[in-house]
C-alpha cells in the first residue's frame, strides 16, 4: 500500500471511518501547541476537532515539536491528518482528526515558532512538554543553572527552552501592543497553571523587572486536569489503521474511550466552545487534579515498577495479576485518605480506574509509564506518603511504591527494562548500594520528603531489603495481609 492519508484521500475513506466534514481550508489557527506528542493528539486535539466540527473556524492548531522532527515528518505529508482509534473490549472505532493545520520543529527555525505565537490570531498557547520541560529544580523553583535557561536569558532571539519560547513571544507581543495569549498547561503537575506562571514570571524577571511584572500581572495561566490513557503507537497499530482506512497513516493514535479534561475558566482573549463529553470548565481544578494525580498516576507509577519486577510488560497484564491487583487496592485506600472533602467520589473513581487499568485491548507499556520517575514520583507518591506519615495514617503501600522504584532502578542498571530518566545514572548508582538504609535514604532525599524523610526511610528501607531477599510478590502479599 503506497497511498497515504491526506486531504485528497479523505472523501474516499470507508463510510465507517469518522472524518472531518468541515472545510479545513476555511479554518484559521487560534491555538499554538508546544509538545506534539501522542497525548496531545489523542486528547486536546480531539476536543478542538469537535469544536471545529460544530462550526468554529478560528481555533485551528499549529503544533510544534521542541526537540525531534519525527512527528512533523510523519504528519506533514498527511496535511496534519491522523487517526485516533478508541479501543476497548468491544472493538475499535476509527476517527480521522483534522484540527492540526501545521507542524513546526522549533530547533530548525526558532524564529518561526516565536512569530506564530506572537501573531495576534494566536489567543491560546497550550503545552504538553512533560514534567522535565518546565526546567525546575527539585524544590520546584526555576533551574537558573540549566544550560537552556542560561542560553535563553542571554539569547532570546533563538530560544531553546519552553520558557524561552514563551518569553520571546510575549516580549514581541508586548512590544507590538498585542495582548498576551493565555497559557494552558496540560501536563500532569500539581497546580500546573500556577506552576507555569511562577516559573515564567521568574524567567521574565531575570530578563527585566518590568517584564517580570508584566507576566505576573497580565498573563493568564489557567490550571487543568487531563485524563486519558494514550499508549505509544506500535507497527501493529499502523497496520490495523491501514487496513481499516485503505491508506497508510504514519502515526495514528490508539487510546481508550474514556476522556476527561477539567479546565479553569480564565481566558481573557476567549476560548473554543468545547462541548466534548468529559470537558468541564470550573472555577477550581485542584480537587480533580489531586484525585487524578494520586489515584490514577500514583497507581500507574507503582504498577509500572512492581509490574516490571513481576515480569509483566503492560498495565492490563500487571493489573490482572492477583497480587498486584490486591496491592493497588491498598495503595488506593492510602492515597484516597489524603484527598480533601470536595464532593468528589474517590471510591467511584477507583472503580472506573479498575475498568480502565484492566482493559486488555489497550497494551499500555510499563516502561513508558515508568519513564522519568524522578520527575513524576514527588507529586504522585512522595507527597501523599509525607501527608499520611504526618497524620499518623497507614502509608506502607506508598512506601512500597518507592521501594519498587529503587529495585527497578537496580535491575535497570543491570540491563533489564527500558524506562529512562533524566537522572538515570545518578539514581542507578544510588539504587545499587547493597545497604538498603543508605539506598533508600539517598533516593528519598531526591523526592522532597522534608520533615518526613526519616519516617519514610523507616518504611522504605526494610521493604527494599525484603524485595531483595524475598521478591516483589511476597512483599505484596505481606503488605496486603498487614504483616
Protein backbone atom coordinates (compact mmCIF):
# COMPACT_ATOMS: atom_id res chain seq x y z
CA UNK A 1 0.00 0.00 0.00
CA UNK A 2 1.63 3.25 -1.17
CA UNK A 3 -1.16 5.83 -0.78
CA UNK A 4 -1.09 7.76 2.48
CA UNK A 5 -3.71 9.65 4.44
CA UNK A 6 -4.11 13.28 3.33
CA UNK A 7 -6.75 15.79 2.29
CA UNK A 8 -7.07 14.25 -1.16
CA UNK A 9 -7.99 10.84 0.28
CA UNK A 10 -10.50 11.98 2.92
CA UNK A 11 -13.59 11.66 0.77
CA UNK A 12 -12.66 8.15 -0.36
CA UNK A 13 -12.28 6.69 3.13
CA UNK A 14 -14.73 3.91 4.02
CA UNK A 15 -18.09 5.10 5.33
CA UNK A 16 -17.35 3.52 8.73
CA UNK A 17 -14.46 5.95 9.33
CA UNK A 18 -15.35 9.24 11.01
CA UNK A 19 -13.51 12.12 9.37
CA UNK A 20 -13.60 15.95 9.24
CA UNK A 21 -16.70 17.07 7.35
CA UNK A 22 -15.84 20.75 7.78
CA UNK A 23 -13.82 22.72 5.21
CA UNK A 24 -10.28 22.54 6.55
CA UNK A 25 -9.19 25.24 4.11
CA UNK A 26 -11.56 27.68 5.85
CA UNK A 27 -10.05 27.05 9.32
CA UNK A 28 -7.56 29.57 10.72
CA UNK A 29 -5.22 28.90 13.66
CA UNK A 30 -6.03 30.31 17.08
CA UNK A 31 -4.01 27.86 19.19
CA UNK A 32 -0.29 27.09 19.21
CA UNK A 33 0.54 23.84 20.98
CA UNK A 34 4.01 23.08 22.33
CA UNK A 35 4.95 19.41 22.68
CA UNK A 36 3.44 17.45 19.83
CA UNK A 37 3.32 14.02 21.41
CA UNK A 38 0.77 11.25 21.40
CA UNK A 39 -1.15 12.61 24.37
CA UNK A 40 -1.99 15.96 22.78
CA UNK A 41 -3.11 14.27 19.58
CA UNK A 42 -5.28 11.82 21.49
CA UNK A 43 -6.73 14.39 23.88
CA UNK A 44 -6.78 18.18 23.36
CA UNK A 45 -6.69 17.99 19.56
CA UNK A 46 -9.72 15.68 19.60
CA UNK A 47 -11.72 18.18 21.67
CA UNK A 48 -10.71 21.03 19.35
CA UNK A 49 -11.70 18.90 16.36
CA UNK A 50 -15.15 18.53 17.92
CA UNK A 51 -15.33 22.30 18.20
CA UNK A 52 -14.42 22.76 14.53
CA UNK A 53 -16.97 20.14 13.54
CA UNK A 54 -19.59 22.18 15.42
CA UNK A 55 -18.90 25.22 13.22
CA UNK A 56 -15.97 27.15 14.75
CA UNK A 57 -13.50 28.38 12.14
CA UNK A 58 -10.80 30.25 14.09
CA UNK A 59 -9.50 27.69 16.57
CA UNK A 60 -7.26 25.50 14.43
CA UNK A 61 -3.99 24.28 15.95
CA UNK A 62 -0.42 24.95 14.88
CA UNK A 63 1.61 22.35 16.76
CA UNK A 64 5.31 22.49 17.48
CA UNK A 65 7.86 19.90 18.49
CA UNK A 66 10.52 21.36 20.75
CA UNK A 67 13.01 18.61 20.00
CA UNK A 68 12.59 15.95 17.31
CA UNK A 69 11.27 16.35 13.75
CA UNK A 70 9.81 12.83 13.74
CA UNK A 71 6.16 13.77 14.28
CA UNK A 72 6.38 16.64 11.78
CA UNK A 73 7.94 14.32 9.22
CA UNK A 74 5.07 11.87 9.74
CA UNK A 75 2.20 14.38 9.70
CA UNK A 76 3.33 16.99 7.16
CA UNK A 77 2.84 14.73 4.11
CA UNK A 78 -0.59 13.90 5.56
CA UNK A 79 -1.68 17.57 5.71
CA UNK A 80 -1.68 17.23 9.50
CA UNK A 81 -4.31 14.48 9.43
CA UNK A 82 -4.02 11.38 11.60
CA UNK A 83 -6.25 8.65 13.00
CA UNK A 84 -7.42 8.18 16.58
CA UNK A 85 -8.55 4.65 17.46
CA UNK A 86 -10.77 4.28 20.54
CA UNK A 87 -10.11 0.75 21.78
CA UNK A 88 -11.78 -1.43 24.37
CA UNK A 89 -13.10 -4.98 24.67
CA UNK A 90 -15.99 -4.11 22.34
CA UNK A 91 -13.59 -3.36 19.48
CA UNK A 92 -12.00 -0.42 17.68
CA UNK A 93 -13.58 2.81 16.48
CA UNK A 94 -11.64 4.89 13.93
CA UNK A 95 -11.71 8.67 13.56
CA UNK A 96 -9.53 10.98 11.46
CA UNK A 97 -8.66 14.26 13.21
CA UNK A 98 -8.23 17.49 11.23
CA UNK A 99 -7.59 20.09 13.95
CA UNK A 100 -3.81 20.35 13.38
CA UNK A 101 -3.24 22.72 10.47
CA UNK A 102 0.55 22.94 10.53
CA UNK A 103 3.50 21.41 12.35
CA UNK A 104 6.71 23.26 13.26
CA UNK A 105 10.02 21.96 14.61
CA UNK A 106 11.39 24.56 17.00
CA UNK A 107 15.15 23.84 16.72
CA UNK A 108 15.02 24.09 12.93
CA UNK A 109 13.57 27.62 12.93
CA UNK A 110 13.05 29.09 16.40
CA UNK A 111 12.01 32.46 14.98
CA UNK A 112 9.14 30.88 13.01
CA UNK A 113 7.62 29.46 16.19
CA UNK A 114 8.04 32.77 18.02
CA UNK A 115 6.37 34.62 15.12
CA UNK A 116 3.43 32.24 15.15
CA UNK A 117 2.90 32.69 18.91
CA UNK A 118 3.33 36.47 18.58
CA UNK A 119 0.68 36.64 15.84
CA UNK A 120 -2.47 38.42 17.14
CA UNK A 121 -4.57 35.48 15.88
CA UNK A 122 -2.92 33.23 18.49
CA UNK A 123 -5.03 33.53 21.62
CA UNK A 124 -4.04 30.32 23.41
CA UNK A 125 -0.67 28.58 23.73
CA UNK A 126 -1.12 25.11 25.21
CA UNK A 127 1.58 22.76 26.44
CA UNK A 128 2.29 19.06 26.91
CA UNK A 129 6.05 19.21 27.43
CA UNK A 130 6.18 16.68 30.33
CA UNK A 131 7.48 17.47 33.80
CA UNK A 132 11.09 17.91 32.70
CA UNK A 133 10.10 20.51 30.10
CA UNK A 134 9.45 23.01 32.89
CA UNK A 135 13.18 23.17 33.80
CA UNK A 136 12.57 23.14 37.55
CA UNK A 137 14.84 22.32 40.44
CA UNK A 138 13.80 19.58 42.84
CA UNK A 139 12.26 22.25 45.10
CA UNK A 140 10.01 23.42 42.27
CA UNK A 141 11.81 26.68 41.54
CA UNK A 142 13.30 27.64 38.18
CA UNK A 143 16.58 25.87 37.44
CA UNK A 144 18.52 29.03 36.66
CA UNK A 145 21.67 26.99 36.04
CA UNK A 146 20.09 24.81 33.36
CA UNK A 147 22.10 25.24 30.12
CA UNK A 148 18.98 26.03 28.08
CA UNK A 149 17.79 28.62 30.59
CA UNK A 150 21.21 30.30 30.71
CA UNK A 151 21.31 30.32 26.92
CA UNK A 152 17.82 31.77 26.56
CA UNK A 153 18.34 34.54 29.11
CA UNK A 154 21.29 35.72 27.04
CA UNK A 155 19.99 34.83 23.54
CA UNK A 156 16.22 35.12 23.49
CA UNK A 157 16.20 35.69 19.73
CA UNK A 158 16.91 31.96 19.30
CA UNK A 159 15.37 30.22 22.33
CA UNK A 160 15.82 26.57 23.24
CA UNK A 161 13.66 26.04 26.32
CA UNK A 162 9.88 26.05 26.71
CA UNK A 163 10.07 29.11 28.95
CA UNK A 164 12.39 30.82 26.50
CA UNK A 165 9.97 30.40 23.60
CA UNK A 166 7.07 31.67 25.67
CA UNK A 167 9.04 34.67 26.92
CA UNK A 168 10.27 35.56 23.43
CA UNK A 169 6.73 35.57 22.04
CA UNK A 170 5.34 37.55 24.97
CA UNK A 171 8.12 40.12 24.65
CA UNK A 172 7.28 40.51 20.97
CA UNK A 173 3.57 40.91 21.68
CA UNK A 174 4.26 43.42 24.45
CA UNK A 175 6.48 45.49 22.19
CA UNK A 176 3.79 45.49 19.48
CA UNK A 177 0.97 46.36 21.88
CA UNK A 178 -0.74 42.98 21.45
CA UNK A 179 -2.47 41.48 24.48
CA UNK A 180 -0.78 38.35 25.83
CA UNK A 181 -2.10 34.93 24.90
CA UNK A 182 -3.50 32.59 27.52
CA UNK A 183 -1.10 29.83 28.59
CA UNK A 184 -2.80 26.46 29.02
CA UNK A 185 -0.65 23.79 30.65
CA UNK A 186 -1.93 20.25 30.09
CA UNK A 187 0.86 18.42 31.92
CA UNK A 188 0.49 16.24 34.99
CA UNK A 189 1.75 18.76 37.52
CA UNK A 190 0.05 19.96 40.71
CA UNK A 191 -1.49 23.38 40.00
CA UNK A 192 0.05 23.24 36.54
CA UNK A 193 -1.16 26.71 35.58
CA UNK A 194 0.15 28.35 38.74
CA UNK A 195 3.38 26.36 38.44
CA UNK A 196 3.93 27.58 34.89
CA UNK A 197 3.03 31.15 35.86
CA UNK A 198 5.59 31.14 38.68
CA UNK A 199 8.39 29.74 36.54
CA UNK A 200 7.71 32.06 33.62
CA UNK A 201 7.42 35.09 35.90
CA UNK A 202 10.82 34.30 37.41
CA UNK A 203 12.37 33.82 33.96
CA UNK A 204 10.87 37.12 32.79
CA UNK A 205 12.09 38.92 35.92
CA UNK A 206 15.62 37.73 35.19
CA UNK A 207 15.25 39.48 31.84
CA UNK A 208 13.98 42.69 33.49
CA UNK A 209 11.89 43.72 36.47
CA UNK A 210 9.36 45.34 34.13
CA UNK A 211 8.93 42.18 32.05
CA UNK A 212 8.56 40.09 35.20
CA UNK A 213 5.81 42.39 36.43
CA UNK A 214 4.10 42.21 33.03
CA UNK A 215 3.96 38.42 33.08
CA UNK A 216 2.85 38.37 36.71
CA UNK A 217 0.06 40.90 36.21
CA UNK A 218 -1.20 40.26 32.67
CA UNK A 219 -0.61 36.65 31.55
CA UNK A 220 -3.44 34.20 32.34
CA UNK A 221 -2.37 30.65 33.16
CA UNK A 222 -5.45 28.58 33.98
CA UNK A 223 -4.85 25.19 35.55
CA UNK A 224 -6.17 21.98 34.01
CA UNK A 225 -6.61 18.31 34.78
CA UNK A 226 -6.18 15.94 31.84
CA UNK A 227 -7.06 12.27 31.92
CA UNK A 228 -6.85 9.77 29.09
CA UNK A 229 -4.59 6.75 28.63
CA UNK A 230 -2.64 7.04 25.37
CA UNK A 231 -0.08 4.26 24.86
CA UNK A 232 2.80 4.54 22.40
CA UNK A 233 1.90 3.63 18.82
CA UNK A 234 3.14 0.28 17.51
CA UNK A 235 3.73 -1.01 13.99
CA UNK A 236 0.78 -3.31 14.57
CA UNK A 237 -1.38 -0.25 15.22
CA UNK A 238 -0.22 1.26 11.93
CA UNK A 239 -1.06 -1.93 10.05
CA UNK A 240 -4.51 -2.10 11.67
CA UNK A 241 -5.28 1.51 10.72
CA UNK A 242 -4.05 1.00 7.16
CA UNK A 243 -6.34 -1.99 6.76
CA UNK A 244 -9.33 -0.03 8.08
CA UNK A 245 -8.70 3.16 6.09
CA UNK A 246 -7.28 1.71 2.89
CA UNK A 247 -4.38 4.20 3.09
CA UNK A 248 -1.31 4.40 5.30
CA UNK A 249 -1.21 6.63 8.38
CA UNK A 250 2.39 7.13 9.52
CA UNK A 251 1.49 7.97 13.10
CA UNK A 252 -2.00 7.04 14.32
CA UNK A 253 -3.01 7.16 17.97
CA UNK A 254 -4.64 4.30 19.89
CA UNK A 255 -6.39 5.24 23.10
CA UNK A 256 -9.22 4.34 25.47
CA UNK A 257 -12.79 5.63 25.09
CA UNK A 258 -12.57 7.44 28.46
CA UNK A 259 -11.94 11.20 28.15
CA UNK A 260 -11.67 13.86 30.85
CA UNK A 261 -10.44 17.46 30.74
CA UNK A 262 -11.21 19.82 33.63
CA UNK A 263 -10.24 23.43 32.87
CA UNK A 264 -10.12 26.58 34.99
CA UNK A 265 -12.24 29.08 33.07
CA UNK A 266 -9.83 32.03 32.70
CA UNK A 267 -9.34 33.04 29.05
CA UNK A 268 -9.11 36.83 28.58
CA UNK A 269 -8.89 36.53 24.77
CA UNK A 270 -11.65 33.94 24.50
CA UNK A 271 -11.66 30.16 24.15
CA UNK A 272 -13.19 27.47 21.95
CA UNK A 273 -16.74 26.48 22.84
CA UNK A 274 -15.77 22.88 23.53
CA UNK A 275 -18.68 20.57 24.29
CA UNK A 276 -16.90 17.23 24.11
CA UNK A 277 -18.27 14.85 26.77
CA UNK A 278 -15.79 14.86 29.65
CA UNK A 279 -14.71 18.50 29.18
CA UNK A 280 -15.72 20.70 32.12
CA UNK A 281 -14.93 24.37 32.78
CA UNK A 282 -14.73 25.13 36.52
CA UNK A 283 -13.53 27.75 38.99
CA UNK A 284 -11.17 25.39 40.84
CA UNK A 285 -9.38 22.45 39.22
CA UNK A 286 -7.38 21.45 42.29
CA UNK A 287 -9.64 18.70 43.73
CA UNK A 288 -9.99 16.97 40.35
CA UNK A 289 -6.27 17.26 39.68
CA UNK A 290 -5.23 15.90 43.07
CA UNK A 291 -7.53 12.89 42.79
CA UNK A 292 -6.20 12.05 39.36
CA UNK A 293 -2.52 12.55 40.26
CA UNK A 294 -2.70 10.41 43.38
CA UNK A 295 -5.13 7.69 42.34
CA UNK A 296 -4.55 7.23 38.61
CA UNK A 297 -0.99 8.46 38.13
CA UNK A 298 0.24 7.22 41.50
CA UNK A 299 -1.14 3.74 40.91
CA UNK A 300 0.21 3.77 37.35
CA UNK A 301 3.74 4.51 38.58
CA UNK A 302 3.59 1.95 41.37
CA UNK A 303 2.20 -0.65 38.97
CA UNK A 304 4.87 0.17 36.37
CA UNK A 305 7.82 -0.68 38.61
CA UNK A 306 6.23 -3.54 40.53
CA UNK A 307 4.75 -4.97 37.34
CA UNK A 308 8.09 -4.94 35.56
CA UNK A 309 9.69 -6.68 38.54
CA UNK A 310 6.93 -9.32 38.36
CA UNK A 311 7.68 -9.96 34.70
CA UNK A 312 4.79 -8.08 33.08
CA UNK A 313 5.16 -5.56 30.27
CA UNK A 314 1.82 -3.71 30.16
CA UNK A 315 -0.73 -2.27 32.57
CA UNK A 316 -3.54 -4.75 31.93
CA UNK A 317 -1.28 -7.76 32.42
CA UNK A 318 0.07 -6.34 35.67
CA UNK A 319 -3.36 -5.30 36.93
CA UNK A 320 -4.81 -8.77 36.28
CA UNK A 321 -2.02 -10.27 38.40
CA UNK A 322 -3.91 -11.06 41.66
CA UNK A 323 -1.09 -9.92 43.94
CA UNK A 324 -0.53 -6.66 42.08
CA UNK A 325 -4.29 -6.03 41.96
CA UNK A 326 -4.63 -6.51 45.71
CA UNK A 327 -1.64 -4.22 46.31
CA UNK A 328 -3.17 -1.43 44.16
CA UNK A 329 -6.35 -1.59 46.23
CA UNK A 330 -4.32 -0.91 49.39
CA UNK A 331 -2.44 1.89 47.64
CA UNK A 332 -5.72 3.49 46.53
CA UNK A 333 -7.03 3.35 50.08
CA UNK A 334 -3.95 5.09 51.47
CA UNK A 335 -3.82 7.75 48.77
CA UNK A 336 -7.56 8.46 48.92
CA UNK A 337 -7.16 9.31 52.61
CA UNK A 338 -5.08 12.36 51.61
CA UNK A 339 -7.75 13.86 49.34
CA UNK A 340 -9.78 16.86 50.50
CA UNK A 341 -13.51 16.59 51.03
CA UNK A 342 -14.54 18.40 47.84
CA UNK A 343 -17.65 16.45 46.90
CA UNK A 344 -15.80 14.04 44.59
CA UNK A 345 -16.40 10.29 44.95
CA UNK A 346 -12.96 8.65 45.14
CA UNK A 347 -14.48 5.17 45.52
CA UNK A 348 -16.39 5.52 42.27
CA UNK A 349 -13.29 6.98 40.60
CA UNK A 350 -11.25 3.92 41.64
CA UNK A 351 -13.96 1.59 40.35
CA UNK A 352 -13.71 3.30 36.96
CA UNK A 353 -9.91 3.14 37.14
CA UNK A 354 -10.11 -0.60 37.70
CA UNK A 355 -12.08 -0.98 34.46
CA UNK A 356 -9.60 1.22 32.60
CA UNK A 357 -6.49 -0.47 34.01
CA UNK A 358 -7.96 -3.86 33.20
CA UNK A 359 -8.60 -3.03 29.52
CA UNK A 360 -6.67 -5.88 27.87
CA UNK A 361 -7.26 -4.40 24.43
CA UNK A 362 -5.07 -1.42 25.34
CA UNK A 363 -1.47 -2.51 25.86
CA UNK A 364 -0.05 0.44 27.78
CA UNK A 365 3.63 -0.38 28.21
CA UNK A 366 5.01 -0.27 31.75
CA UNK A 367 8.38 1.03 30.53
CA UNK A 368 6.57 4.02 29.02
CA UNK A 369 4.80 4.77 32.30
CA UNK A 370 7.99 4.21 34.31
CA UNK A 371 9.99 6.77 32.34
CA UNK A 372 11.03 9.96 34.20
CA UNK A 373 10.18 8.58 37.63
CA UNK A 374 12.29 11.19 39.42
CA UNK A 375 10.08 13.88 37.88
CA UNK A 376 6.77 12.10 38.49
CA UNK A 377 7.05 10.37 41.88
CA UNK A 378 7.37 13.52 44.05
CA UNK A 379 3.77 14.57 43.39
CA UNK A 380 2.31 11.13 42.70
CA UNK A 381 3.73 9.17 45.63
CA UNK A 382 6.07 11.19 47.87
CA UNK A 383 3.61 13.97 48.71
CA UNK A 384 0.74 11.69 49.81
CA UNK A 385 3.26 9.50 51.64
CA UNK A 386 4.53 12.51 53.61
CA UNK A 387 0.98 13.64 54.38
CA UNK A 388 -0.04 10.22 55.65
CA UNK A 389 3.07 9.94 57.80
CA UNK A 390 2.49 13.40 59.28
CA UNK A 391 -1.13 12.48 60.07
CA UNK A 392 -0.24 9.10 61.56
CA UNK A 393 -2.17 7.22 58.87
CA UNK A 394 -1.08 3.99 57.12
CA UNK A 395 1.46 4.56 54.35
CA UNK A 396 3.07 1.17 53.76
CA UNK A 397 1.78 0.77 50.20
CA UNK A 398 3.05 4.24 49.24
CA UNK A 399 6.42 3.46 50.80
CA UNK A 400 6.45 0.16 48.90
CA UNK A 401 5.92 2.05 45.63
CA UNK A 402 9.20 3.88 46.23
CA UNK A 403 10.93 0.63 47.19
CA UNK A 404 9.66 -0.94 43.94
CA UNK A 405 11.11 2.03 42.04
CA UNK A 406 14.51 1.61 43.70
CA UNK A 407 14.50 -2.14 42.98
CA UNK A 408 13.54 -1.48 39.36
CA UNK A 409 16.35 1.09 39.06
CA UNK A 410 18.75 -1.54 40.40
CA UNK A 411 17.58 -4.01 37.76
CA UNK A 412 17.68 -1.27 35.12
CA UNK A 413 21.34 -0.74 35.98
CA UNK A 414 21.93 -4.44 35.40
CA UNK A 415 20.50 -4.19 31.89
CA UNK A 416 16.84 -5.04 32.49
CA UNK A 417 13.89 -2.84 31.48
CA UNK A 418 13.91 0.13 29.15
CA UNK A 419 12.44 3.06 31.09
CA UNK A 420 14.57 6.20 31.13
CA UNK A 421 15.07 9.13 33.47
CA UNK A 422 16.94 12.44 33.24
CA UNK A 423 18.85 11.39 36.39
CA UNK A 424 19.22 7.73 35.48
CA UNK A 425 22.98 7.42 36.02
CA UNK A 426 22.86 9.04 39.45
CA UNK A 427 19.76 7.13 40.50
CA UNK A 428 21.23 3.82 39.38
CA UNK A 429 24.42 4.47 41.33
CA UNK A 430 22.35 5.08 44.47
CA UNK A 431 19.95 2.18 43.91
CA UNK A 432 22.65 -0.50 43.59
CA UNK A 433 24.01 0.28 47.06
CA UNK A 434 23.78 -3.04 48.97
CA UNK A 435 22.99 -1.07 52.13
CA UNK A 436 19.22 -0.70 51.86
CA UNK A 437 19.16 2.04 54.50
CA UNK A 438 21.63 4.14 52.53
CA UNK A 439 19.98 3.47 49.16
CA UNK A 440 16.54 4.36 50.48
CA UNK A 441 17.74 7.47 52.31
CA UNK A 442 19.71 8.84 49.38
CA UNK A 443 16.89 8.38 46.89
CA UNK A 444 14.19 9.62 49.26
CA UNK A 445 16.24 12.80 49.70
CA UNK A 446 15.71 13.49 46.00
CA UNK A 447 11.91 13.23 46.30
CA UNK A 448 11.33 16.13 48.69
CA UNK A 449 10.02 14.31 51.78
CA UNK A 450 11.05 17.20 54.03
CA UNK A 451 10.49 16.57 57.74
CA UNK A 452 9.10 13.09 56.98
CA UNK A 453 12.33 11.83 55.41
CA UNK A 454 13.41 9.66 58.33
CA UNK A 455 9.92 8.27 58.89
CA UNK A 456 9.73 7.40 55.21
CA UNK A 457 13.12 5.71 55.27
CA UNK A 458 11.97 3.61 58.23
CA UNK A 459 9.29 2.15 55.92
CA UNK A 460 11.09 2.09 52.58
CA UNK A 461 14.41 0.56 53.67
CA UNK A 462 13.04 -2.67 55.21
CA UNK A 463 10.67 -3.06 52.26
CA UNK A 464 13.62 -2.75 49.88
CA UNK A 465 15.54 -5.37 51.90
CA UNK A 466 12.55 -7.72 51.70
CA UNK A 467 12.24 -7.20 47.92
CA UNK A 468 15.91 -8.09 47.52
CA UNK A 469 15.66 -11.18 49.72
CA UNK A 470 12.13 -12.49 49.18
CA UNK A 471 10.92 -10.90 45.93
CA UNK A 472 8.18 -8.46 45.00
CA UNK A 473 5.32 -10.95 45.12
CA UNK A 474 5.98 -11.97 48.71
CA UNK A 475 6.31 -8.31 49.74
CA UNK A 476 2.95 -7.55 48.16
CA UNK A 477 1.28 -10.50 49.90
CA UNK A 478 2.64 -9.47 53.32
CA UNK A 479 1.55 -5.88 52.77
CA UNK A 480 -1.98 -6.91 51.78
CA UNK A 481 -2.18 -9.24 54.82
CA UNK A 482 -0.99 -6.40 57.01
CA UNK A 483 2.12 -8.32 58.04
